[in-house]
Amino acid sequence: MKIEYKKISLRKNDLVQVMTGKEKGKTAKILKIDPNGSSVLLEKVNVVSRRYRKTAREPGKVVEKELPIHYSNVLLMCSACNRGVRHGVRVLSKENRVRKVRFCKRCDHPLDAA
């Protein structure tokens, strides 16, 4: 049985806007992408408190950490529109070099740095 992974066009360090859930409207940077579970880990978004029981060596503690959210609940931020937007991919060829560039579908502005 072959496992198929989803092709996620988001990348690490992209700025995204959360569209659904309790964190709706927040913007954050992507820390990690999990293509197997189709989820992204965002900086300071979806934070939960995890309590650890004391052991013989360590005292008990409360640790706050981020949990992943599904990639379909975030939109890539456009610097020109200053909001989360849908994006597309264009193939640019220049002197025997082919590049894929993401662009904003709202204002047609390229989202990747030149």
PDB file of N, CA and C in Angstrom:
ATOM      1  N   MET A   1       0.839  -1.188   0.000  1.00  0.00           N
ATOM      2  CA  MET A   1       0.000   0.000   0.000  1.00  0.00           C
ATOM      3  C   MET A   1       0.878   1.243   0.000  1.00  0.00           C
ATOM      4  N   LYS A   2       0.664   2.103  -0.956  1.00  0.00           N
ATOM      5  CA  LYS A   2       1.465   3.311  -1.097  1.00  0.00           C
ATOM      6  C   LYS A   2       0.818   4.465  -0.334  1.00  0.00           C
ATOM      7  N   ILE A   3       1.623   5.169   0.441  1.00  0.00           N
ATOM      8  CA  ILE A   3       1.136   6.317   1.193  1.00  0.00           C
ATOM      9  C   ILE A   3       1.359   7.563   0.355  1.00  0.00           C
ATOM     10  N   GLU A   4       0.293   8.343   0.165  1.00  0.00           N
ATOM     11  CA  GLU A   4       0.406   9.585  -0.583  1.00  0.00           C
ATOM     12  C   GLU A   4       0.418  10.760   0.375  1.00  0.00           C
ATOM     13  N   TYR A   5       1.366  11.662   0.176  1.00  0.00           N
ATOM     14  CA  TYR A   5       1.478  12.845   1.008  1.00  0.00           C
ATOM     15  C   TYR A   5       0.909  14.048   0.261  1.00  0.00           C
ATOM     16  N   LYS A   6       0.326  14.964   1.011  1.00  0.00           N
ATOM     17  CA  LYS A   6      -0.200  16.178   0.411  1.00  0.00           C
ATOM     18  C   LYS A   6       0.953  17.135   0.111  1.00  0.00           C
ATOM     19  N   LYS A   7       0.868  17.814  -1.018  1.00  0.00           N
ATOM     20  CA  LYS A   7       1.863  18.813  -1.374  1.00  0.00           C
ATOM     21  C   LYS A   7       1.421  20.138  -0.765  1.00  0.00           C
ATOM     22  N   ILE A   8       2.114  20.559   0.261  1.00  0.00           N
ATOM     23  CA  ILE A   8       1.782  21.801   0.956  1.00  0.00           C
ATOM     24  C   ILE A   8       2.678  22.907   0.400  1.00  0.00           C
ATOM     25  N   SER A   9       2.086  23.986  -0.078  1.00  0.00           N
ATOM     26  CA  SER A   9       2.870  25.057  -0.674  1.00  0.00           C
ATOM     27  C   SER A   9       3.327  26.086   0.350  1.00  0.00           C
ATOM     28  N   LEU A  10       3.090  25.840   1.620  1.00  0.00           N
ATOM     29  CA  LEU A  10       3.607  26.707   2.670  1.00  0.00           C
ATOM     30  C   LEU A  10       5.016  26.256   3.014  1.00  0.00           C
ATOM     31  N   ARG A  11       5.830  27.182   3.482  1.00  0.00           N
ATOM     32  CA  ARG A  11       7.212  26.869   3.821  1.00  0.00           C
ATOM     33  C   ARG A  11       7.547  27.377   5.213  1.00  0.00           C
ATOM     34  N   LYS A  12       8.613  26.839   5.771  1.00  0.00           N
ATOM     35  CA  LYS A  12       9.087  27.276   7.073  1.00  0.00           C
ATOM     36  C   LYS A  12       9.446  28.759   7.002  1.00  0.00           C
ATOM     37  N   ASN A  13       9.181  29.499   8.055  1.00  0.00           N
ATOM     38  CA  ASN A  13       9.425  30.943   8.197  1.00  0.00           C
ATOM     39  C   ASN A  13       8.467  31.809   7.384  1.00  0.00           C
ATOM     40  N   ASP A  14       7.450  31.236   6.745  1.00  0.00           N
ATOM     41  CA  ASP A  14       6.411  32.032   6.073  1.00  0.00           C
ATOM     42  C   ASP A  14       5.538  32.709   7.124  1.00  0.00           C
ATOM     43  N   LEU A  15       5.058  33.895   6.808  1.00  0.00           N
ATOM     44  CA  LEU A  15       4.119  34.589   7.675  1.00  0.00           C
ATOM     45  C   LEU A  15       2.712  34.230   7.216  1.00  0.00           C
ATOM     46  N   VAL A  16       1.893  33.722   8.145  1.00  0.00           N
ATOM     47  CA  VAL A  16       0.538  33.289   7.801  1.00  0.00           C
ATOM     48  C   VAL A  16      -0.477  33.911   8.750  1.00  0.00           C
ATOM     49  N   GLN A  17      -1.740  33.908   8.330  1.00  0.00           N
ATOM     50  CA  GLN A  17      -2.837  34.402   9.156  1.00  0.00           C
ATOM     51  C   GLN A  17      -3.766  33.234   9.446  1.00  0.00           C
ATOM     52  N   VAL A  18      -4.162  33.082  10.723  1.00  0.00           N
ATOM     53  CA  VAL A  18      -5.065  32.008  11.126  1.00  0.00           C
ATOM     54  C   VAL A  18      -6.478  32.428  10.777  1.00  0.00           C
ATOM     55  N   MET A  19      -7.222  31.539  10.093  1.00  0.00           N
ATOM     56  CA  MET A  19      -8.549  31.890   9.606  1.00  0.00           C
ATOM     57  C   MET A  19      -9.697  31.315  10.439  1.00  0.00           C
ATOM     58  N   THR A  20      -9.464  30.244  11.193  1.00  0.00           N
ATOM     59  CA  THR A  20     -10.530  29.628  11.965  1.00  0.00           C
ATOM     60  C   THR A  20     -10.038  29.258  13.356  1.00  0.00           C
ATOM     61  N   GLY A  21     -10.992  28.988  14.233  1.00  0.00           N
ATOM     62  CA  GLY A  21     -10.652  28.536  15.583  1.00  0.00           C
ATOM     63  C   GLY A  21     -10.524  29.667  16.580  1.00  0.00           C
ATOM     64  N   LYS A  22     -10.056  29.323  17.771  1.00  0.00           N
ATOM     65  CA  LYS A  22      -9.965  30.313  18.846  1.00  0.00           C
ATOM     66  C   LYS A  22      -8.896  31.368  18.602  1.00  0.00           C
ATOM     67  N   GLU A  23      -7.951  31.088  17.707  1.00  0.00           N
ATOM     68  CA  GLU A  23      -6.868  32.027  17.407  1.00  0.00           C
ATOM     69  C   GLU A  23      -7.123  32.806  16.119  1.00  0.00           C
ATOM     70  N   LYS A  24      -8.379  32.856  15.668  1.00  0.00           N
ATOM     71  CA  LYS A  24      -8.740  33.487  14.397  1.00  0.00           C
ATOM     72  C   LYS A  24      -8.261  34.935  14.332  1.00  0.00           C
ATOM     73  N   GLY A  25      -7.641  35.297  13.211  1.00  0.00           N
ATOM     74  CA  GLY A  25      -7.189  36.665  12.989  1.00  0.00           C
ATOM     75  C   GLY A  25      -5.739  36.910  13.359  1.00  0.00           C
ATOM     76  N   LYS A  26      -5.107  36.007  14.092  1.00  0.00           N
ATOM     77  CA  LYS A  26      -3.718  36.203  14.498  1.00  0.00           C
ATOM     78  C   LYS A  26      -2.782  35.899  13.337  1.00  0.00           C
ATOM     79  N   THR A  27      -1.652  36.618  13.316  1.00  0.00           N
ATOM     80  CA  THR A  27      -0.616  36.327  12.328  1.00  0.00           C
ATOM     81  C   THR A  27       0.577  35.730  13.061  1.00  0.00           C
ATOM     82  N   ALA A  28       1.230  34.777  12.406  1.00  0.00           N
ATOM     83  CA  ALA A  28       2.357  34.102  13.044  1.00  0.00           C
ATOM     84  C   ALA A  28       3.300  33.548  11.997  1.00  0.00           C
ATOM     85  N   LYS A  29       4.494  33.197  12.456  1.00  0.00           N
ATOM     86  CA  LYS A  29       5.509  32.607  11.598  1.00  0.00           C
ATOM     87  C   LYS A  29       5.450  31.088  11.726  1.00  0.00           C
ATOM     88  N   ILE A  30       5.640  30.379  10.636  1.00  0.00           N
ATOM     89  CA  ILE A  30       5.631  28.915  10.661  1.00  0.00           C
ATOM     90  C   ILE A  30       6.969  28.412  11.206  1.00  0.00           C
ATOM     91  N   LEU A  31       6.897  27.591  12.260  1.00  0.00           N
ATOM     92  CA  LEU A  31       8.097  27.010  12.839  1.00  0.00           C
ATOM     93  C   LEU A  31       8.421  25.653  12.243  1.00  0.00           C
ATOM     94  N   LYS A  32       7.377  24.863  11.941  1.00  0.00           N
ATOM     95  CA  LYS A  32       7.584  23.499  11.472  1.00  0.00           C
ATOM     96  C   LYS A  32       6.388  23.068  10.632  1.00  0.00           C
ATOM     97  N   ILE A  33       6.637  22.258   9.621  1.00  0.00           N
ATOM     98  CA  ILE A  33       5.568  21.733   8.774  1.00  0.00           C
ATOM     99  C   ILE A  33       5.629  20.215   8.810  1.00  0.00           C
ATOM    100  N   ASP A  34       4.474  19.588   9.051  1.00  0.00           N
ATOM    101  CA  ASP A  34       4.382  18.138   9.064  1.00  0.00           C
ATOM    102  C   ASP A  34       3.558  17.687   7.863  1.00  0.00           C
ATOM    103  N   PRO A  35       4.192  17.254   6.773  1.00  0.00           N
ATOM    104  CA  PRO A  35       3.435  16.882   5.578  1.00  0.00           C
ATOM    105  C   PRO A  35       2.618  15.604   5.766  1.00  0.00           C
ATOM    106  N   ASN A  36       3.030  14.723   6.675  1.00  0.00           N
ATOM    107  CA  ASN A  36       2.301  13.477   6.900  1.00  0.00           C
ATOM    108  C   ASN A  36       0.937  13.749   7.521  1.00  0.00           C
ATOM    109  N   GLY A  37       0.896  14.642   8.499  1.00  0.00           N
ATOM    110  CA  GLY A  37      -0.356  14.963   9.170  1.00  0.00           C
ATOM    111  C   GLY A  37      -1.023  16.189   8.626  1.00  0.00           C
ATOM    112  N   SER A  38      -0.429  16.822   7.608  1.00  0.00           N
ATOM    113  CA  SER A  38      -0.961  18.040   6.991  1.00  0.00           C
ATOM    114  C   SER A  38      -1.164  19.154   8.009  1.00  0.00           C
ATOM    115  N   SER A  39      -0.216  19.315   8.903  1.00  0.00           N
ATOM    116  CA  SER A  39      -0.352  20.340   9.933  1.00  0.00           C
ATOM    117  C   SER A  39       0.872  21.237   9.968  1.00  0.00           C
ATOM    118  N   VAL A  40       0.682  22.425  10.535  1.00  0.00           N
ATOM    119  CA  VAL A  40       1.771  23.388  10.686  1.00  0.00           C
ATOM    120  C   VAL A  40       1.847  23.816  12.144  1.00  0.00           C
ATOM    121  N   LEU A  41       3.064  24.085  12.594  1.00  0.00           N
ATOM    122  CA  LEU A  41       3.297  24.564  13.951  1.00  0.00           C
ATOM    123  C   LEU A  41       3.616  26.045  13.855  1.00  0.00           C
ATOM    124  N   LEU A  42       2.811  26.878  14.509  1.00  0.00           N
ATOM    125  CA  LEU A  42       2.971  28.324  14.424  1.00  0.00           C
ATOM    126  C   LEU A  42       3.541  28.876  15.716  1.00  0.00           C
ATOM    127  N   GLU A  43       4.257  29.981  15.599  1.00  0.00           N
ATOM    128  CA  GLU A  43       4.897  30.615  16.749  1.00  0.00           C
ATOM    129  C   GLU A  43       3.858  31.345  17.610  1.00  0.00           C
ATOM    130  N   LYS A  44       3.756  30.959  18.867  1.00  0.00           N
ATOM    131  CA  LYS A  44       2.871  31.578  19.869  1.00  0.00           C
ATOM    132  C   LYS A  44       1.392  31.537  19.485  1.00  0.00           C
ATOM    133  N   VAL A  45       0.977  30.468  18.774  1.00  0.00           N
ATOM    134  CA  VAL A  45      -0.426  30.268  18.417  1.00  0.00           C
ATOM    135  C   VAL A  45      -0.818  28.866  18.845  1.00  0.00           C
ATOM    136  N   ASN A  46      -2.041  28.702  19.383  1.00  0.00           N
ATOM    137  CA  ASN A  46      -2.541  27.425  19.871  1.00  0.00           C
ATOM    138  C   ASN A  46      -1.669  26.899  21.008  1.00  0.00           C
ATOM    139  N   VAL A  47      -1.395  27.771  21.970  1.00  0.00           N
ATOM    140  CA  VAL A  47      -0.532  27.440  23.107  1.00  0.00           C
ATOM    141  C   VAL A  47      -1.358  26.752  24.187  1.00  0.00           C
ATOM    142  N   VAL A  48      -0.841  25.636  24.711  1.00  0.00           N
ATOM    143  CA  VAL A  48      -1.491  24.909  25.793  1.00  0.00           C
ATOM    144  C   VAL A  48      -0.504  24.734  26.941  1.00  0.00           C
ATOM    145  N   SER A  49      -1.027  24.531  28.136  1.00  0.00           N
ATOM    146  CA  SER A  49      -0.191  24.268  29.299  1.00  0.00           C
ATOM    147  C   SER A  49      -0.125  22.776  29.525  1.00  0.00           C
ATOM    148  N   ARG A  50       1.073  22.249  29.571  1.00  0.00           N
ATOM    149  CA  ARG A  50       1.281  20.822  29.807  1.00  0.00           C
ATOM    150  C   ARG A  50       1.866  20.673  31.207  1.00  0.00           C
ATOM    151  N   ARG A  51       1.217  19.878  32.049  1.00  0.00           N
ATOM    152  CA  ARG A  51       1.684  19.694  33.419  1.00  0.00           C
ATOM    153  C   ARG A  51       2.446  18.388  33.533  1.00  0.00           C
ATOM    154  N   TYR A  52       3.624  18.453  34.159  1.00  0.00           N
ATOM    155  CA  TYR A  52       4.445  17.267  34.359  1.00  0.00           C
ATOM    156  C   TYR A  52       4.521  16.937  35.840  1.00  0.00           C
ATOM    157  N   ARG A  53       4.339  15.660  36.142  1.00  0.00           N
ATOM    158  CA  ARG A  53       4.367  15.179  37.515  1.00  0.00           C
ATOM    159  C   ARG A  53       5.796  15.196  38.045  1.00  0.00           C
ATOM    160  N   LYS A  54       5.944  15.411  39.345  1.00  0.00           N
ATOM    161  CA  LYS A  54       7.284  15.410  39.915  1.00  0.00           C
ATOM    162  C   LYS A  54       7.839  13.993  39.931  1.00  0.00           C
ATOM    163  N   THR A  55       9.151  13.909  39.810  1.00  0.00           N
ATOM    164  CA  THR A  55       9.842  12.628  39.868  1.00  0.00           C
ATOM    165  C   THR A  55      10.863  12.691  41.002  1.00  0.00           C
ATOM    166  N   ALA A  56      11.618  11.641  41.147  1.00  0.00           N
ATOM    167  CA  ALA A  56      12.633  11.615  42.202  1.00  0.00           C
ATOM    168  C   ALA A  56      13.736  12.639  41.926  1.00  0.00           C
ATOM    169  N   ARG A  57      14.003  12.891  40.649  1.00  0.00           N
ATOM    170  CA  ARG A  57      15.079  13.816  40.285  1.00  0.00           C
ATOM    171  C   ARG A  57      14.616  15.244  40.042  1.00  0.00           C
ATOM    172  N   GLU A  58      13.383  15.421  39.567  1.00  0.00           N
ATOM    173  CA  GLU A  58      12.921  16.754  39.172  1.00  0.00           C
ATOM    174  C   GLU A  58      11.617  17.121  39.877  1.00  0.00           C
ATOM    175  N   PRO A  59      11.444  18.410  40.167  1.00  0.00           N
ATOM    176  CA  PRO A  59      10.149  18.843  40.723  1.00  0.00           C
ATOM    177  C   PRO A  59       9.094  18.895  39.626  1.00  0.00           C
ATOM    178  N   GLY A  60       7.841  18.934  40.011  1.00  0.00           N
ATOM    179  CA  GLY A  60       6.763  19.067  39.037  1.00  0.00           C
ATOM    180  C   GLY A  60       6.832  20.430  38.371  1.00  0.00           C
ATOM    181  N   LYS A  61       6.326  20.526  37.148  1.00  0.00           N
ATOM    182  CA  LYS A  61       6.403  21.805  36.441  1.00  0.00           C
ATOM    183  C   LYS A  61       5.264  21.934  35.441  1.00  0.00           C
ATOM    184  N   VAL A  62       5.015  23.163  35.041  1.00  0.00           N
ATOM    185  CA  VAL A  62       4.021  23.471  34.024  1.00  0.00           C
ATOM    186  C   VAL A  62       4.777  24.082  32.839  1.00  0.00           C
ATOM    187  N   VAL A  63       4.626  23.466  31.662  1.00  0.00           N
ATOM    188  CA  VAL A  63       5.329  23.926  30.468  1.00  0.00           C
ATOM    189  C   VAL A  63       4.291  24.342  29.436  1.00  0.00           C
ATOM    190  N   GLU A  64       4.459  25.538  28.874  1.00  0.00           N
ATOM    191  CA  GLU A  64       3.573  25.987  27.808  1.00  0.00           C
ATOM    192  C   GLU A  64       4.215  25.658  26.472  1.00  0.00           C
ATOM    193  N   LYS A  65       3.432  25.049  25.565  1.00  0.00           N
ATOM    194  CA  LYS A  65       3.959  24.708  24.254  1.00  0.00           C
ATOM    195  C   LYS A  65       2.890  24.884  23.197  1.00  0.00           C
ATOM    196  N   GLU A  66       3.345  25.033  21.949  1.00  0.00           N
ATOM    197  CA  GLU A  66       2.427  25.207  20.819  1.00  0.00           C
ATOM    198  C   GLU A  66       2.017  23.846  20.278  1.00  0.00           C
ATOM    199  N   LEU A  67       0.747  23.717  19.922  1.00  0.00           N
ATOM    200  CA  LEU A  67       0.269  22.525  19.252  1.00  0.00           C
ATOM    201  C   LEU A  67       0.024  22.854  17.784  1.00  0.00           C
ATOM    202  N   PRO A  68       0.179  21.868  16.891  1.00  0.00           N
ATOM    203  CA  PRO A  68      -0.023  22.140  15.469  1.00  0.00           C
ATOM    204  C   PRO A  68      -1.487  22.341  15.110  1.00  0.00           C
ATOM    205  N   ILE A  69      -1.731  23.084  14.026  1.00  0.00           N
ATOM    206  CA  ILE A  69      -3.077  23.246  13.490  1.00  0.00           C
ATOM    207  C   ILE A  69      -3.036  22.829  12.020  1.00  0.00           C
ATOM    208  N   HIS A  70      -4.190  22.496  11.463  1.00  0.00           N
ATOM    209  CA  HIS A  70      -4.255  22.012  10.097  1.00  0.00           C
ATOM    210  C   HIS A  70      -3.894  23.129   9.128  1.00  0.00           C
ATOM    211  N   TYR A  71      -3.172  22.769   8.061  1.00  0.00           N
ATOM    212  CA  TYR A  71      -2.693  23.787   7.126  1.00  0.00           C
ATOM    213  C   TYR A  71      -3.832  24.493   6.390  1.00  0.00           C
ATOM    214  N   SER A  72      -5.009  23.884   6.304  1.00  0.00           N
ATOM    215  CA  SER A  72      -6.117  24.524   5.600  1.00  0.00           C
ATOM    216  C   SER A  72      -6.736  25.655   6.422  1.00  0.00           C
ATOM    217  N   ASN A  73      -6.358  25.777   7.680  1.00  0.00           N
ATOM    218  CA  ASN A  73      -6.891  26.832   8.541  1.00  0.00           C
ATOM    219  C   ASN A  73      -6.022  28.082   8.546  1.00  0.00           C
ATOM    220  N   VAL A  74      -4.990  28.127   7.712  1.00  0.00           N
ATOM    221  CA  VAL A  74      -4.132  29.312   7.633  1.00  0.00           C
ATOM    222  C   VAL A  74      -4.032  29.776   6.180  1.00  0.00           C
ATOM    223  N   LEU A  75      -3.813  31.077   6.006  1.00  0.00           N
ATOM    224  CA  LEU A  75      -3.598  31.666   4.685  1.00  0.00           C
ATOM    225  C   LEU A  75      -2.277  32.419   4.700  1.00  0.00           C
ATOM    226  N   LEU A  76      -1.571  32.352   3.601  1.00  0.00           N
ATOM    227  CA  LEU A  76      -0.305  33.047   3.446  1.00  0.00           C
ATOM    228  C   LEU A  76      -0.537  34.557   3.430  1.00  0.00           C
ATOM    229  N   MET A  77       0.295  35.306   4.154  1.00  0.00           N
ATOM    230  CA  MET A  77       0.156  36.763   4.215  1.00  0.00           C
ATOM    231  C   MET A  77       0.786  37.411   2.995  1.00  0.00           C
ATOM    232  N   CYS A  78       0.085  38.387   2.448  1.00  0.00           N
ATOM    233  CA  CYS A  78       0.597  39.192   1.337  1.00  0.00           C
ATOM    234  C   CYS A  78       1.052  40.528   1.911  1.00  0.00           C
ATOM    235  N   SER A  79       2.276  40.928   1.597  1.00  0.00           N
ATOM    236  CA  SER A  79       2.796  42.195   2.134  1.00  0.00           C
ATOM    237  C   SER A  79       2.108  43.400   1.499  1.00  0.00           C
ATOM    238  N   ALA A  80       1.642  43.266   0.270  1.00  0.00           N
ATOM    239  CA  ALA A  80       0.968  44.377  -0.409  1.00  0.00           C
ATOM    240  C   ALA A  80      -0.461  44.543   0.104  1.00  0.00           C
ATOM    241  N   CYS A  81      -1.190  43.435   0.267  1.00  0.00           N
ATOM    242  CA  CYS A  81      -2.579  43.492   0.742  1.00  0.00           C
ATOM    243  C   CYS A  81      -2.656  43.620   2.260  1.00  0.00           C
ATOM    244  N   ASN A  82      -1.605  43.199   2.946  1.00  0.00           N
ATOM    245  CA  ASN A  82      -1.529  43.202   4.413  1.00  0.00           C
ATOM    246  C   ASN A  82      -2.634  42.348   5.029  1.00  0.00           C
ATOM    247  N   ARG A  83      -2.875  41.164   4.446  1.00  0.00           N
ATOM    248  CA  ARG A  83      -3.858  40.221   4.968  1.00  0.00           C
ATOM    249  C   ARG A  83      -3.569  38.837   4.407  1.00  0.00           C
ATOM    250  N   GLY A  84      -4.226  37.851   4.946  1.00  0.00           N
ATOM    251  CA  GLY A  84      -4.075  36.493   4.445  1.00  0.00           C
ATOM    252  C   GLY A  84      -4.798  36.349   3.123  1.00  0.00           C
ATOM    253  N   VAL A  85      -4.137  35.767   2.126  1.00  0.00           N
ATOM    254  CA  VAL A  85      -4.717  35.646   0.792  1.00  0.00           C
ATOM    255  C   VAL A  85      -4.488  34.244   0.229  1.00  0.00           C
ATOM    256  N   ARG A  86      -5.324  33.879  -0.740  1.00  0.00           N
ATOM    257  CA  ARG A  86      -5.069  32.670  -1.508  1.00  0.00           C
ATOM    258  C   ARG A  86      -3.902  32.959  -2.436  1.00  0.00           C
ATOM    259  N   HIS A  87      -3.158  31.935  -2.772  1.00  0.00           N
ATOM    260  CA  HIS A  87      -2.000  32.153  -3.629  1.00  0.00           C
ATOM    261  C   HIS A  87      -1.920  31.086  -4.705  1.00  0.00           C
ATOM    262  N   GLY A  88      -1.215  31.428  -5.771  1.00  0.00           N
ATOM    263  CA  GLY A  88      -0.980  30.509  -6.869  1.00  0.00           C
ATOM    264  C   GLY A  88       0.511  30.402  -7.126  1.00  0.00           C
ATOM    265  N   VAL A  89       0.869  29.557  -8.091  1.00  0.00           N
ATOM    266  CA  VAL A  89       2.276  29.352  -8.418  1.00  0.00           C
ATOM    267  C   VAL A  89       2.476  29.609  -9.905  1.00  0.00           C
ATOM    268  N   ARG A  90       3.501  30.389 -10.226  1.00  0.00           N
ATOM    269  CA  ARG A  90       3.876  30.650 -11.607  1.00  0.00           C
ATOM    270  C   ARG A  90       5.259  30.064 -11.857  1.00  0.00           C
ATOM    271  N   VAL A  91       5.458  29.598 -13.061  1.00  0.00           N
ATOM    272  CA  VAL A  91       6.774  29.083 -13.445  1.00  0.00           C
ATOM    273  C   VAL A  91       7.456  30.151 -14.287  1.00  0.00           C
ATOM    274  N   LEU A  92       8.605  30.627 -13.825  1.00  0.00           N
ATOM    275  CA  LEU A  92       9.373  31.642 -14.541  1.00  0.00           C
ATOM    276  C   LEU A  92      10.630  30.994 -15.094  1.00  0.00           C
ATOM    277  N   SER A  93      10.927  31.263 -16.346  1.00  0.00           N
ATOM    278  CA  SER A  93      12.173  30.744 -16.931  1.00  0.00           C
ATOM    279  C   SER A  93      13.037  31.926 -17.358  1.00  0.00           C
ATOM    280  N   LYS A  94      14.313  31.813 -17.013  1.00  0.00           N
ATOM    281  CA  LYS A  94      15.234  32.894 -17.332  1.00  0.00           C
ATOM    282  C   LYS A  94      16.614  32.290 -17.572  1.00  0.00           C
ATOM    283  N   GLU A  95      17.089  32.340 -18.798  1.00  0.00           N
ATOM    284  CA  GLU A  95      18.424  31.863 -19.152  1.00  0.00           C
ATOM    285  C   GLU A  95      18.696  30.449 -18.636  1.00  0.00           C
ATOM    286  N   ASN A  96      17.946  29.469 -19.131  1.00  0.00           N
ATOM    287  CA  ASN A  96      18.101  28.052 -18.764  1.00  0.00           C
ATOM    288  C   ASN A  96      17.856  27.774 -17.284  1.00  0.00           C
ATOM    289  N   ARG A  97      17.153  28.671 -16.610  1.00  0.00           N
ATOM    290  CA  ARG A  97      16.838  28.468 -15.199  1.00  0.00           C
ATOM    291  C   ARG A  97      15.343  28.571 -15.012  1.00  0.00           C
ATOM    292  N   VAL A  98      14.745  27.566 -14.399  1.00  0.00           N
ATOM    293  CA  VAL A  98      13.303  27.567 -14.168  1.00  0.00           C
ATOM    294  C   VAL A  98      13.056  27.725 -12.679  1.00  0.00           C
ATOM    295  N   ARG A  99      12.176  28.668 -12.330  1.00  0.00           N
ATOM    296  CA  ARG A  99      11.837  28.931 -10.929  1.00  0.00           C
ATOM    297  C   ARG A  99      10.340  28.925 -10.756  1.00  0.00           C
ATOM    298  N   LYS A 100       9.893  28.438  -9.604  1.00  0.00           N
ATOM    299  CA  LYS A 100       8.486  28.536  -9.258  1.00  0.00           C
ATOM    300  C   LYS A 100       8.342  29.668  -8.249  1.00  0.00           C
ATOM    301  N   VAL A 101       7.427  30.582  -8.521  1.00  0.00           N
ATOM    302  CA  VAL A 101       7.208  31.740  -7.660  1.00  0.00           C
ATOM    303  C   VAL A 101       5.751  31.784  -7.246  1.00  0.00           C
ATOM    304  N   ARG A 102       5.509  31.931  -5.945  1.00  0.00           N
ATOM    305  CA  ARG A 102       4.134  32.068  -5.450  1.00  0.00           C
ATOM    306  C   ARG A 102       3.698  33.518  -5.627  1.00  0.00           C
ATOM    307  N   PHE A 103       2.406  33.720  -5.953  1.00  0.00           N
ATOM    308  CA  PHE A 103       1.887  35.073  -6.131  1.00  0.00           C
ATOM    309  C   PHE A 103       0.523  35.191  -5.481  1.00  0.00           C
ATOM    310  N   CYS A 104       0.167  36.413  -5.113  1.00  0.00           N
ATOM    311  CA  CYS A 104      -1.117  36.718  -4.494  1.00  0.00           C
ATOM    312  C   CYS A 104      -2.195  36.717  -5.573  1.00  0.00           C
ATOM    313  N   LYS A 105      -3.270  35.980  -5.341  1.00  0.00           N
ATOM    314  CA  LYS A 105      -4.346  35.939  -6.329  1.00  0.00           C
ATOM    315  C   LYS A 105      -5.226  37.175  -6.256  1.00  0.00           C
ATOM    316  N   ARG A 106      -5.066  37.965  -5.221  1.00  0.00           N
ATOM    317  CA  ARG A 106      -5.898  39.160  -5.039  1.00  0.00           C
ATOM    318  C   ARG A 106      -5.293  40.362  -5.766  1.00  0.00           C
ATOM    319  N   CYS A 107      -3.976  40.568  -5.590  1.00  0.00           N
ATOM    320  CA  CYS A 107      -3.335  41.749  -6.174  1.00  0.00           C
ATOM    321  C   CYS A 107      -2.231  41.409  -7.173  1.00  0.00           C
ATOM    322  N   ASP A 108      -2.006  40.099  -7.412  1.00  0.00           N
ATOM    323  CA  ASP A 108      -1.014  39.644  -8.389  1.00  0.00           C
ATOM    324  C   ASP A 108       0.418  40.010  -8.000  1.00  0.00           C
ATOM    325  N   HIS A 109       0.679  40.200  -6.718  1.00  0.00           N
ATOM    326  CA  HIS A 109       1.992  40.565  -6.196  1.00  0.00           C
ATOM    327  C   HIS A 109       2.765  39.282  -5.880  1.00  0.00           C
ATOM    328  N   PRO A 110       4.066  39.201  -6.266  1.00  0.00           N
ATOM    329  CA  PRO A 110       4.844  37.995  -5.926  1.00  0.00           C
ATOM    330  C   PRO A 110       5.075  37.913  -4.408  1.00  0.00           C
ATOM    331  N   LEU A 111       4.905  36.718  -3.852  1.00  0.00           N
ATOM    332  CA  LEU A 111       5.031  36.534  -2.404  1.00  0.00           C
ATOM    333  C   LEU A 111       6.416  36.078  -1.979  1.00  0.00           C
ATOM    334  N   ASP A 112       7.191  35.527  -2.904  1.00  0.00           N
ATOM    335  CA  ASP A 112       8.544  35.070  -2.590  1.00  0.00           C
ATOM    336  C   ASP A 112       9.535  36.221  -2.803  1.00  0.00           C
ATOM    337  N   ALA A 113      10.566  36.209  -1.977  1.00  0.00           N
ATOM    338  CA  ALA A 113      11.600  37.238  -2.114  1.00  0.00           C
ATOM    339  C   ALA A 113      12.369  36.996  -3.407  1.00  0.00           C
ATOM    340  N   ALA A 114      12.758  38.083  -4.056  1.00  0.00           N
ATOM    341  CA  ALA A 114      13.488  37.968  -5.330  1.00  0.00           C
ATOM    342  C   ALA A 114      14.871  37.531  -5.109  1.00  0.00           C
TER     343      ALA A 114
END
